[in-house]
């Protein structure tokens, strides 16, 4: 019985040494561009992909503890971004593009009433944010080429 308890304890009380390195996770930002030219979009053109809500009420927190598929997918995007930085092949970049296209399509559907013209291409970048004293430091680690906002293969 004592041997079984010794085997069970690490599962019940995991150690922080479980993680090799605790490092900042890259944030994904997206910019709309009109042409697939290689020029860098203006800094104002970049916006955070799937920003966290500014405020969650108590009931929203309880519900999200049990059911939160949108946040789970956001965590998956962060994992894909980390793998893209580790040069893990084409899959992470493809998954990020696919989900960004879906987000852009849903935003386009919501803004059709305003008839806002949409760019035909988008780019994404991975940004590491770290604190240096009182300031936040932003390091751009990766900038993608331009991709069409609509791709029939993503459907």
Foldseek 3Di string as FASTA:
>chain_A
DVVVVVVCVCVVPPDPVVDVDDFFFWWKWKFFDQDLDPDDDDPVRIDTDPDDDPDDDPVRVVVCVPDDVPVVVVVVLSVLRVCVLVVVDDVSVVSNLLVVLVVVVVVCVVCVVVVDDGHQKMKMWIWGWDDDPPDIDIDTDDIGGIDGSDDVVSD
